[in-house]
Amino acid sequence: MGATTGNFGASLASSVARNGVAGCWGYVAPDGGRYGLMGTAKGVLVVDLRNPDQPRIVDEVDGPTNTTLPGIYWREMRVYGHYAYICSEHTNVRGGVMVLDLAGLPDHVNYVRSIVPHDGRLNAHTVDIDPGTGLLYLQRYTQLDPPGSQEGPYLSHHDEEFGTSGQGSVELWDLKTDPEQPAYVTTFNQGHFVHDMTARNGRCYVAEGSDSTYSIWNISNPRHPALMVRWNVAPGHFAHNIWPAEDGSYVATTEEVPRGLPMRLWSLDGSHPPTSRGSFKYEDATPHNVQIEGHRAYLSHYSQGLVVVDLSNLDQPTALAHWDTSPFSGSDYEGCWGVFKFPGQPLLLGSDIDQGLQVVHITVP
């Protein structure tokens, strides 16, 4: 569906210019102070947002930079306790999953170490952490480079979109005992392309890329994840991103390829295939990533920037707020890459590939 043009329901608090930007995330310190993390061409930018209208750069921590596509630096990050875990598809500096200690904020952050994935390859496209269980989920490929290879990203973005299906897995790591020295637990979902996953409340929701499928796993026994359900989207659609409602009753998904496909909503019914509900996109742009809090979805929407969507009626999602981060238009993969909603607060982070960090106040009730 389309939506009203122009910025509405949101206002820009501040921005920090960077290029080669990828994912972003947020951290709330024990004293309530807010901080932003964002992948850049150099590594990981850490920004003090205690006053979101006057951001202060704390550090830009070096990370791997040997990209195969000039100007694009795939990095995704998550936070557990006072530690941040950052993965990338690059290997030359601090390759693997970088661990940053955020306990020294607002003064400084410390690089702790980089974790080598269990299969020996340093590259990873996405990472997620279930905050309730302390389990880290790491995307894996099983193609192109031989095991143990440390040379350059073995899948480019083009390969992800159009590469061989049926090859991938998810590694599971335990952070609880020692967040600086995570313990490998197991690997699951072998034999399926894995692009992204979201883990919440003992479930792992997996977007299976060029397999054109999504799956949901029960992780109540972390050593033996159990497949609950897998379902298909249209052949040739790239199952890019998936996020569950807080009560687990539905999920939102995005399919990045072909260009211009909408976010879709699916009602869940245990082990039965989900029921397709409504869909949403803003103008002719392509939704990239989605998060859900309450009955709202928060989209990084490439050329259209950040969009907040009302999900109170799953069959007719509607736009509540929009902030355009980018000078681009259309359905190409330009503009806003990542989104993070600070829990319980009307504040969004958006990471725009060419413009940098955007800090946005949501001004709808």
Protein backbone atom coordinates (compact mmCIF):
# COMPACT_ATOMS: atom_id res chain seq x y z
CA MET A 1 0.00 0.00 0.00
CA GLY A 2 1.06 3.60 -0.38
CA ALA A 3 1.11 6.31 2.25
CA THR A 4 0.93 10.07 2.63
CA THR A 5 4.04 11.77 1.28
CA GLY A 6 6.29 14.03 3.33
CA ASN A 7 7.71 13.79 6.84
CA PHE A 8 5.07 13.50 9.55
CA GLY A 9 4.73 12.18 13.09
CA ALA A 10 8.50 12.46 13.58
CA SER A 11 11.18 15.12 13.86
CA LEU A 12 14.94 15.04 13.53
CA ALA A 13 16.74 15.44 16.84
CA SER A 14 20.27 15.26 15.44
CA SER A 15 22.57 13.45 13.04
CA VAL A 16 26.19 12.31 12.80
CA ALA A 17 27.60 12.20 9.28
CA ARG A 18 29.41 9.05 8.16
CA ASN A 19 29.64 6.95 4.99
CA GLY A 20 29.85 3.25 4.28
CA VAL A 21 27.16 2.86 6.95
CA ALA A 22 25.43 -0.44 7.77
CA GLY A 23 23.45 -1.57 10.84
CA CYS A 24 22.76 0.33 14.04
CA TRP A 25 21.69 -0.53 17.57
CA GLY A 26 21.20 1.15 20.94
CA TYR A 27 22.35 0.66 24.50
CA VAL A 28 20.68 1.88 27.69
CA ALA A 29 23.13 2.06 30.60
CA PRO A 30 22.13 1.14 34.18
CA ASP A 31 21.72 4.86 34.95
CA GLY A 32 19.30 5.27 32.03
CA GLY A 33 21.80 6.96 29.72
CA ARG A 34 21.21 6.22 26.03
CA TYR A 35 23.93 5.43 23.50
CA GLY A 36 23.95 4.58 19.80
CA LEU A 37 26.17 2.13 17.94
CA MET A 38 26.53 2.12 14.15
CA GLY A 39 28.65 0.30 11.60
CA THR A 40 30.78 2.62 9.45
CA ALA A 41 33.52 2.32 6.83
CA LYS A 42 36.09 2.47 9.65
CA GLY A 43 34.44 0.16 12.17
CA VAL A 44 31.92 0.86 14.92
CA LEU A 45 30.79 4.36 15.89
CA VAL A 46 29.71 4.81 19.54
CA VAL A 47 27.68 7.96 20.28
CA ASP A 48 26.53 9.44 23.59
CA LEU A 49 22.80 10.24 23.25
CA ARG A 50 22.01 11.25 26.81
CA ASN A 51 20.98 14.51 25.16
CA PRO A 52 19.69 13.27 21.79
CA ASP A 53 19.67 16.82 20.40
CA GLN A 54 23.41 17.14 21.03
CA PRO A 55 25.10 13.80 20.27
CA ARG A 56 28.70 13.32 21.34
CA ILE A 57 31.03 10.86 19.64
CA VAL A 58 32.68 8.66 22.27
CA ASP A 59 34.79 6.56 19.89
CA GLU A 60 34.95 4.99 16.45
CA VAL A 61 36.46 1.57 17.06
CA ASP A 62 38.50 0.01 14.25
CA GLY A 63 37.01 -3.07 12.61
CA PRO A 64 37.64 -5.16 9.50
CA THR A 65 37.51 -3.20 6.24
CA ASN A 66 38.34 -5.48 3.28
CA THR A 67 34.98 -5.07 1.56
CA THR A 68 34.35 -6.64 -1.84
CA LEU A 69 31.99 -3.82 -2.86
CA PRO A 70 33.49 -0.31 -2.50
CA GLY A 71 31.40 1.90 -0.26
CA ILE A 72 29.47 -0.95 1.39
CA TYR A 73 30.56 -2.31 4.78
CA TRP A 74 28.24 -4.97 6.13
CA ARG A 75 28.13 -4.74 9.92
CA GLU A 76 25.42 -5.72 12.37
CA MET A 77 25.51 -5.46 16.15
CA ARG A 78 23.58 -6.44 19.27
CA VAL A 79 23.98 -5.71 22.99
CA TYR A 80 23.86 -8.04 26.00
CA GLY A 81 24.43 -6.55 29.44
CA HIS A 82 27.18 -3.97 29.00
CA TYR A 83 28.75 -5.77 26.03
CA ALA A 84 28.24 -5.19 22.31
CA TYR A 85 28.79 -7.96 19.74
CA ILE A 86 29.50 -6.90 16.16
CA CYS A 87 29.77 -9.14 13.11
CA SER A 88 30.82 -8.25 9.57
CA GLU A 89 31.64 -9.88 6.24
CA HIS A 90 35.21 -8.54 6.42
CA THR A 91 38.26 -10.17 7.97
CA ASN A 92 41.44 -8.11 7.85
CA VAL A 93 41.29 -6.28 11.22
CA ARG A 94 39.71 -7.87 14.31
CA GLY A 95 37.81 -10.31 12.11
CA GLY A 96 35.15 -12.52 13.67
CA VAL A 97 32.60 -11.27 16.19
CA MET A 98 34.02 -8.16 17.85
CA VAL A 99 33.27 -7.76 21.56
CA LEU A 100 33.14 -4.24 23.01
CA ASP A 101 32.84 -3.47 26.72
CA LEU A 102 30.48 -0.52 27.21
CA ALA A 103 30.82 -0.33 31.01
CA GLY A 104 33.16 2.66 30.73
CA LEU A 105 30.55 4.89 29.11
CA PRO A 106 30.10 7.81 28.89
CA ASP A 107 33.89 8.21 28.98
CA HIS A 108 35.15 5.36 26.82
CA VAL A 109 34.57 1.90 25.34
CA ASN A 110 37.03 -0.99 25.30
CA TYR A 111 37.68 -3.51 22.55
CA VAL A 112 37.87 -6.85 24.37
CA ARG A 113 38.53 -9.47 21.69
CA SER A 114 37.13 -11.03 18.54
CA ILE A 115 35.43 -14.42 18.67
CA VAL A 116 36.31 -16.89 15.94
CA PRO A 117 33.13 -18.72 14.88
CA HIS A 118 33.06 -22.44 15.51
CA ASP A 119 33.40 -23.28 11.79
CA GLY A 120 36.62 -21.23 11.59
CA ARG A 121 35.38 -18.63 9.13
CA LEU A 122 35.54 -15.05 10.30
CA ASN A 123 32.75 -13.70 8.09
CA ALA A 124 29.15 -13.38 9.25
CA HIS A 125 26.34 -11.30 7.79
CA THR A 126 24.01 -11.07 10.80
CA VAL A 127 23.90 -11.70 14.54
CA ASP A 128 21.15 -11.62 17.15
CA ILE A 129 20.86 -12.19 20.90
CA ASP A 130 17.88 -13.41 22.91
CA PRO A 131 18.05 -11.03 25.90
CA GLY A 132 16.05 -13.38 28.12
CA THR A 133 18.28 -16.42 27.65
CA GLY A 134 21.68 -14.86 26.94
CA LEU A 135 22.08 -16.91 23.76
CA LEU A 136 23.80 -15.43 20.71
CA TYR A 137 22.78 -16.55 17.21
CA LEU A 138 25.30 -16.19 14.38
CA GLN A 139 24.52 -16.52 10.68
CA ARG A 140 26.70 -18.99 8.76
CA TYR A 141 27.34 -19.81 5.10
CA THR A 142 28.60 -23.18 3.89
CA GLN A 143 29.58 -22.36 0.32
CA LEU A 144 32.29 -20.92 -1.93
CA ASP A 145 35.23 -20.72 0.49
CA PRO A 146 36.66 -23.91 2.02
CA PRO A 147 36.39 -24.34 5.79
CA GLY A 148 39.03 -22.34 7.64
CA SER A 149 39.51 -19.80 4.87
CA GLN A 150 40.10 -16.27 6.14
CA GLU A 151 40.22 -14.58 2.75
CA GLY A 152 37.73 -11.77 2.08
CA PRO A 153 33.96 -12.16 2.22
CA TYR A 154 33.10 -15.43 0.55
CA LEU A 155 29.67 -14.12 -0.38
CA SER A 156 29.09 -10.69 -1.84
CA HIS A 157 25.72 -8.96 -1.49
CA HIS A 158 24.94 -10.03 -5.05
CA ASP A 159 25.69 -13.64 -4.13
CA GLU A 160 23.38 -13.41 -1.13
CA GLU A 161 20.53 -12.21 -3.27
CA PHE A 162 20.99 -14.60 -6.14
CA GLY A 163 23.40 -17.26 -4.87
CA THR A 164 22.95 -20.96 -4.32
CA SER A 165 20.07 -21.85 -2.03
CA GLY A 166 20.11 -24.65 0.53
CA GLN A 167 23.50 -23.84 2.03
CA GLY A 168 23.82 -22.26 5.46
CA SER A 169 23.23 -22.70 9.19
CA VAL A 170 23.02 -20.88 12.53
CA GLU A 171 25.63 -21.13 15.27
CA LEU A 172 24.42 -20.83 18.86
CA TRP A 173 26.68 -19.39 21.60
CA ASP A 174 26.11 -19.00 25.36
CA LEU A 175 26.97 -15.55 26.76
CA LYS A 176 25.65 -15.99 30.31
CA THR A 177 28.61 -17.57 32.08
CA ASP A 178 31.31 -15.34 30.62
CA PRO A 179 30.21 -12.63 28.14
CA GLU A 180 33.85 -12.00 27.19
CA GLN A 181 34.51 -15.68 26.46
CA PRO A 182 31.24 -17.07 25.02
CA ALA A 183 30.83 -20.83 24.89
CA TYR A 184 29.82 -22.53 21.64
CA VAL A 185 26.66 -24.63 22.09
CA THR A 186 25.59 -26.08 18.75
CA THR A 187 24.86 -25.46 15.06
CA PHE A 188 21.35 -25.86 13.65
CA ASN A 189 19.28 -25.25 10.52
CA GLN A 190 21.98 -26.82 8.38
CA GLY A 191 21.23 -27.11 4.68
CA HIS A 192 19.17 -23.92 4.48
CA PHE A 193 20.34 -20.54 3.28
CA VAL A 194 20.39 -18.21 6.31
CA HIS A 195 20.34 -14.45 5.91
CA ASP A 196 18.98 -13.11 9.20
CA MET A 197 17.36 -14.26 12.43
CA THR A 198 15.62 -12.77 15.46
CA ALA A 199 15.66 -14.60 18.80
CA ARG A 200 13.10 -13.85 21.49
CA ASN A 201 11.58 -15.76 24.42
CA GLY A 202 13.25 -19.07 23.61
CA ARG A 203 12.32 -18.99 19.92
CA CYS A 204 14.52 -18.29 16.91
CA TYR A 205 12.88 -16.82 13.81
CA VAL A 206 14.99 -17.34 10.69
CA ALA A 207 14.87 -15.59 7.30
CA GLU A 208 16.22 -18.12 4.80
CA GLY A 209 17.21 -15.83 1.94
CA SER A 210 17.27 -17.35 -1.53
CA ASP A 211 15.49 -20.48 -0.24
CA SER A 212 12.40 -18.18 -0.21
CA THR A 213 11.39 -19.59 3.18
CA TYR A 214 11.09 -18.59 6.83
CA SER A 215 11.36 -20.93 9.80
CA ILE A 216 10.72 -20.84 13.56
CA TRP A 217 12.71 -22.91 16.06
CA ASN A 218 12.06 -23.91 19.67
CA ILE A 219 15.26 -23.33 21.68
CA SER A 220 13.98 -24.51 25.08
CA ASN A 221 16.77 -27.09 24.93
CA PRO A 222 19.66 -25.08 23.43
CA ARG A 223 21.68 -28.20 22.61
CA HIS A 224 18.81 -29.56 20.54
CA PRO A 225 16.89 -26.80 18.72
CA ALA A 226 13.62 -28.13 17.32
CA LEU A 227 12.01 -26.94 14.11
CA MET A 228 8.45 -25.76 14.74
CA VAL A 229 7.36 -24.59 11.29
CA ARG A 230 8.74 -23.53 7.91
CA TRP A 231 6.80 -21.75 5.20
CA ASN A 232 7.39 -20.49 1.67
CA VAL A 233 7.01 -17.14 -0.01
CA ALA A 234 6.92 -16.73 -3.79
CA PRO A 235 9.78 -18.39 -5.71
CA GLY A 236 12.59 -15.93 -6.35
CA HIS A 237 11.67 -13.75 -3.38
CA PHE A 238 14.60 -13.23 -1.00
CA ALA A 239 13.47 -13.90 2.59
CA HIS A 240 15.46 -11.07 4.13
CA ASN A 241 14.32 -10.21 7.67
CA ILE A 242 11.80 -11.43 10.27
CA TRP A 243 10.67 -10.04 13.64
CA PRO A 244 8.06 -11.45 16.07
CA ALA A 245 5.39 -9.60 18.02
CA GLU A 246 6.14 -9.41 21.73
CA ASP A 247 3.50 -12.07 22.51
CA GLY A 248 4.62 -14.31 19.63
CA SER A 249 1.21 -14.22 17.95
CA TYR A 250 2.48 -12.87 14.62
CA VAL A 251 5.61 -11.90 12.73
CA ALA A 252 6.56 -9.19 10.26
CA THR A 253 8.85 -10.08 7.35
CA THR A 254 10.63 -8.26 4.53
CA GLU A 255 11.65 -9.66 1.15
CA GLU A 256 14.40 -7.46 -0.25
CA VAL A 257 14.47 -9.04 -3.73
CA PRO A 258 12.84 -8.27 -6.17
CA ARG A 259 12.92 -4.54 -5.42
CA GLY A 260 9.81 -2.87 -4.08
CA LEU A 261 8.19 -5.81 -2.27
CA PRO A 262 6.22 -4.84 0.86
CA MET A 263 6.64 -5.81 4.49
CA ARG A 264 4.25 -8.70 5.19
CA LEU A 265 2.42 -9.78 8.34
CA TRP A 266 1.70 -13.40 9.31
CA SER A 267 -0.47 -14.75 12.13
CA LEU A 268 1.15 -17.72 13.88
CA ASP A 269 -0.61 -20.87 14.98
CA GLY A 270 1.87 -23.15 16.70
CA SER A 271 3.35 -25.69 14.32
CA HIS A 272 0.83 -24.96 11.55
CA PRO A 273 1.78 -22.78 8.57
CA PRO A 274 1.09 -19.12 9.36
CA THR A 275 -1.80 -17.16 7.88
CA SER A 276 -0.88 -14.29 5.56
CA ARG A 277 -2.41 -11.02 6.74
CA GLY A 278 -1.79 -7.45 5.56
CA SER A 279 1.21 -5.87 3.87
CA PHE A 280 2.81 -2.42 3.86
CA LYS A 281 5.34 -0.32 2.00
CA TYR A 282 5.87 3.42 1.85
CA GLU A 283 5.47 4.82 -1.67
CA ASP A 284 7.65 2.90 -4.16
CA ALA A 285 10.59 2.25 -1.81
CA THR A 286 11.85 -1.14 -0.58
CA PRO A 287 11.51 -2.08 3.12
CA HIS A 288 14.83 -3.38 4.48
CA ASN A 289 14.62 -4.25 8.19
CA VAL A 290 11.73 -4.28 10.66
CA GLN A 291 11.39 -4.22 14.45
CA ILE A 292 8.19 -4.50 16.50
CA GLU A 293 7.35 -2.95 19.85
CA GLY A 294 3.79 -3.18 21.10
CA HIS A 295 1.43 -2.76 18.14
CA ARG A 296 3.87 -0.78 16.05
CA ALA A 297 6.46 -1.75 13.47
CA TYR A 298 9.58 0.34 12.92
CA LEU A 299 11.00 0.10 9.40
CA SER A 300 14.30 1.08 7.85
CA HIS A 301 12.86 1.69 4.39
CA TYR A 302 15.85 2.39 2.16
CA SER A 303 15.16 5.53 0.05
CA GLN A 304 12.19 6.56 2.23
CA GLY A 305 14.14 6.49 5.49
CA LEU A 306 12.33 5.57 8.72
CA VAL A 307 8.64 4.65 8.90
CA VAL A 308 6.50 3.83 11.95
CA VAL A 309 3.55 1.55 11.15
CA ASP A 310 0.37 0.94 13.17
CA LEU A 311 -0.29 -2.82 13.46
CA SER A 312 -3.48 -2.67 15.53
CA ASN A 313 -5.27 -4.10 12.49
CA LEU A 314 -3.01 -6.74 10.97
CA ASP A 315 -5.04 -6.74 7.78
CA GLN A 316 -4.67 -3.00 7.23
CA PRO A 317 -1.37 -1.66 8.58
CA THR A 318 -1.06 2.13 8.25
CA ALA A 319 1.73 4.68 8.46
CA LEU A 320 1.89 6.65 11.72
CA ALA A 321 5.16 8.51 11.26
CA HIS A 322 7.81 9.05 8.60
CA TRP A 323 11.23 10.65 8.52
CA ASP A 324 13.12 10.68 5.23
CA THR A 325 16.83 10.15 5.86
CA SER A 326 17.91 10.12 2.22
CA PRO A 327 17.99 12.30 -0.91
CA PHE A 328 17.26 9.21 -3.02
CA SER A 329 13.89 7.93 -4.18
CA GLY A 330 12.60 4.75 -5.78
CA SER A 331 13.08 1.09 -4.99
CA ASP A 332 16.88 0.78 -5.21
CA TYR A 333 19.02 -0.29 -2.26
CA GLU A 334 20.01 3.25 -1.23
CA GLY A 335 19.22 5.15 1.95
CA CYS A 336 18.30 3.82 5.38
CA TRP A 337 19.84 0.44 6.25
CA GLY A 338 19.12 -0.05 9.96
CA VAL A 339 16.60 0.94 12.60
CA PHE A 340 16.60 0.77 16.40
CA LYS A 341 13.74 1.76 18.71
CA PHE A 342 14.73 2.64 22.27
CA PRO A 343 12.36 0.52 24.41
CA GLY A 344 9.49 2.47 25.90
CA GLN A 345 10.83 5.80 24.61
CA PRO A 346 9.74 7.87 21.58
CA LEU A 347 13.24 7.82 20.09
CA LEU A 348 14.48 6.07 16.95
CA LEU A 349 17.92 5.53 15.46
CA GLY A 350 18.33 5.15 11.72
CA SER A 351 21.56 4.30 9.91
CA ASP A 352 21.68 5.74 6.39
CA ILE A 353 24.32 4.26 4.08
CA ASP A 354 25.54 7.65 2.84
CA GLN A 355 24.19 10.13 5.39
CA GLY A 356 25.17 8.48 8.69
CA LEU A 357 23.34 8.26 12.01
CA GLN A 358 19.89 9.89 12.25
CA VAL A 359 18.37 10.40 15.72
CA VAL A 360 14.61 10.89 15.38
CA HIS A 361 11.91 11.87 17.89
CA ILE A 362 8.56 10.16 17.32
CA THR A 363 5.85 12.75 17.80
CA VAL A 364 2.71 10.58 17.58
CA PRO A 365 0.90 9.39 20.77
